[in-house]
Protein backbone atom coordinates (compact mmCIF):
# COMPACT_ATOMS: atom_id res chain seq x y z
CA MET A 1 38.53 43.28 145.70
CA LEU A 2 39.10 40.26 143.53
CA PHE A 3 42.11 41.73 141.75
CA GLU A 4 45.43 43.21 142.85
CA LYS A 5 45.67 46.96 143.26
CA GLU A 6 47.77 47.50 140.12
CA LEU A 7 45.04 45.95 137.96
CA THR A 8 42.18 47.76 139.67
CA ASP A 9 44.10 51.03 139.28
CA LYS A 10 44.46 50.37 135.54
CA ALA A 11 40.76 49.50 135.26
CA THR A 12 39.73 52.59 137.23
CA LYS A 13 41.88 54.78 134.98
CA LEU A 14 40.47 53.20 131.81
CA LEU A 15 36.88 53.60 132.98
CA LYS A 16 37.50 57.22 133.97
CA LEU A 17 39.11 58.11 130.63
CA ALA A 18 36.48 56.27 128.59
CA GLY A 19 33.67 57.77 130.66
CA GLU A 20 35.00 61.30 130.17
CA LYS A 21 34.94 60.74 126.40
CA LYS A 22 31.54 59.00 126.56
CA MET A 23 33.10 55.87 125.08
CA ARG A 24 31.91 52.32 125.55
CA VAL A 25 34.27 49.33 125.77
CA ALA A 26 33.55 45.66 124.96
CA THR A 27 35.67 42.55 125.34
CA ALA A 28 35.97 39.27 123.45
CA GLU A 29 37.86 36.76 125.56
CA SER A 30 39.08 33.24 125.14
CA CYS A 31 42.02 32.23 127.35
CA THR A 32 41.10 34.76 130.06
CA GLY A 33 37.59 33.34 130.37
CA GLY A 34 36.06 36.73 131.18
CA LEU A 35 38.72 38.03 133.57
CA ILE A 36 39.08 41.33 131.68
CA SER A 37 35.35 41.91 131.90
CA ALA A 38 35.33 40.81 135.54
CA LEU A 39 38.10 43.30 136.31
CA LEU A 40 36.29 46.17 134.63
CA THR A 41 32.96 45.38 136.26
CA GLU A 42 34.64 45.13 139.67
CA ILE A 43 34.81 48.94 139.60
CA PRO A 44 31.64 50.73 140.78
CA GLY A 45 30.00 52.72 138.00
CA SER A 46 31.49 50.58 135.23
CA SER A 47 28.09 50.15 133.58
CA VAL A 48 28.49 53.63 132.08
CA VAL A 49 31.35 52.26 129.95
CA ILE A 50 30.85 48.47 129.78
CA GLY A 51 27.80 47.32 127.84
CA ARG A 52 28.67 43.74 126.96
CA SER A 53 31.44 41.19 126.77
CA PHE A 54 31.84 37.81 125.14
CA VAL A 55 33.61 34.69 126.35
CA THR A 56 34.18 32.54 123.30
CA TYR A 57 36.40 29.76 124.54
CA SER A 58 35.85 27.27 121.75
CA ASN A 59 36.40 27.67 118.02
CA ARG A 60 32.71 26.99 117.52
CA ALA A 61 31.81 29.88 119.84
CA LYS A 62 34.26 32.18 118.07
CA HIS A 63 32.56 31.30 114.79
CA GLU A 64 28.92 31.28 115.96
CA VAL A 65 28.98 34.24 118.35
CA LEU A 66 31.72 36.48 116.96
CA HIS A 67 31.39 35.41 113.31
CA VAL A 68 35.08 34.59 112.98
CA PRO A 69 35.27 32.87 109.61
CA ALA A 70 35.69 29.11 109.92
CA GLU A 71 38.43 29.20 107.28
CA LEU A 72 40.48 31.61 109.44
CA LEU A 73 40.19 29.24 112.37
CA ARG A 74 41.12 26.23 110.23
CA GLU A 75 44.01 27.94 108.44
CA HIS A 76 45.60 29.86 111.32
CA GLY A 77 44.16 28.34 114.50
CA ALA A 78 42.38 30.20 117.28
CA VAL A 79 45.64 31.49 118.71
CA SER A 80 46.74 33.69 115.83
CA GLU A 81 46.90 37.26 114.65
CA PRO A 82 44.12 36.93 112.06
CA VAL A 83 41.71 35.43 114.58
CA ALA A 84 42.48 37.99 117.31
CA ARG A 85 41.98 40.78 114.77
CA ALA A 86 38.69 39.27 113.58
CA MET A 87 37.46 38.86 117.16
CA ALA A 88 38.21 42.52 117.94
CA GLN A 89 36.80 43.87 114.66
CA ASN A 90 33.64 41.75 114.78
CA THR A 91 32.99 42.71 118.40
CA PHE A 92 33.33 46.34 117.35
CA ASP A 93 30.96 45.83 114.41
CA MET A 94 28.35 43.92 116.47
CA THR A 95 28.17 46.30 119.43
CA THR A 96 27.89 49.99 120.16
CA ALA A 97 31.38 49.96 121.67
CA HIS A 98 33.91 52.58 120.60
CA LEU A 99 36.82 50.39 121.68
CA THR A 100 37.14 46.61 121.88
CA VAL A 101 39.79 44.19 123.02
CA ALA A 102 40.09 40.53 122.08
CA VAL A 103 42.40 37.88 123.48
CA SER A 104 43.11 34.29 122.44
CA GLY A 105 45.95 32.23 123.81
CA ILE A 106 47.31 29.07 125.33
CA ALA A 107 47.31 29.41 129.09
CA GLY A 108 48.76 25.96 129.72
CA PRO A 109 49.94 23.83 131.22
CA GLY A 110 50.52 22.00 127.99
CA GLY A 111 48.24 22.38 125.02
CA GLY A 112 50.85 24.21 123.02
CA SER A 113 53.12 23.24 120.17
CA ALA A 114 56.59 24.13 118.96
CA GLU A 115 55.11 27.02 116.94
CA LYS A 116 52.67 28.10 119.67
CA PRO A 117 53.96 27.04 123.08
CA ALA A 118 52.05 27.51 126.32
CA GLY A 119 52.06 31.18 127.22
CA THR A 120 51.48 32.37 123.64
CA VAL A 121 48.72 34.98 123.51
CA HIS A 122 47.44 37.04 120.60
CA MET A 123 45.42 40.14 121.39
CA ALA A 124 43.92 42.95 119.39
CA THR A 125 42.12 46.20 120.03
CA CYS A 126 39.72 47.80 117.61
CA SER A 127 38.53 51.38 117.39
CA GLU A 128 36.90 53.34 114.60
CA ASN A 129 40.24 53.98 112.93
CA SER A 130 42.36 50.91 113.55
CA VAL A 131 42.82 47.33 114.60
CA ASP A 132 46.05 46.90 116.54
CA HIS A 133 47.61 43.51 117.25
CA HIS A 134 50.17 42.32 119.76
CA MET A 135 51.52 38.86 120.35
CA HIS A 136 52.99 37.93 123.71
CA GLN A 137 55.16 35.00 124.67
CA PHE A 138 54.71 34.90 128.42
CA GLY A 139 56.27 31.44 128.62
CA ASP A 140 54.99 28.39 130.42
CA ILE A 141 54.76 30.33 133.71
CA GLY A 142 51.56 28.66 134.91
CA ARG A 143 47.93 28.94 133.89
CA THR A 144 46.92 31.61 136.40
CA GLU A 145 50.03 33.67 135.70
CA VAL A 146 49.49 33.59 131.91
CA ARG A 147 45.87 34.62 132.32
CA LEU A 148 46.72 37.50 134.68
CA ALA A 149 49.62 38.63 132.48
CA THR A 150 47.15 38.70 129.59
CA VAL A 151 44.74 40.87 131.59
CA HIS A 152 47.59 43.29 132.39
CA ALA A 153 48.64 43.42 128.73
CA ALA A 154 45.05 43.93 127.56
CA MET A 155 44.56 46.80 129.99
CA ASP A 156 47.80 48.39 128.76
CA MET A 157 46.63 48.06 125.13
CA LEU A 158 43.29 49.67 125.96
CA LEU A 159 44.92 52.51 127.91
CA ARG A 160 47.25 53.30 124.98
CA HIS A 161 44.16 54.47 123.06
CA PHE A 162 43.95 57.40 125.48
CA ASP A 163 47.59 58.56 125.23
């Protein structure tokens, strides 16, 4: 397996719960570069739940593919609550998914600012009834570590929809 057991266990649980409810899940990823989708599709049988995912690393891709308004990107930046919410909502609206997750952050090293240092990640989930947002400050712990911490946090957010 590509991923540690704790992550594959979370993914297996999510896929089982979503499959039992005949729910589909979609992802919109920036700083993780598709790692959430890769984790989910690592599990055999995931195609019952996973229909599509988007990696929109640049602002242009967020705008062109996910229809995030250019003014949101200009005003708040890609790593922000409004953009994460728009990514999750627009993925929900554009797909047949019942649950979406979106992540946008600064994995580092560098690239951050005083307001948004490396390790800052905004994520959102969207379902029929809500768009939930969380912001994480993982710290400048290293690029790989920020990306994997984001995958863990995204899986936890998705699993909370089944509590």
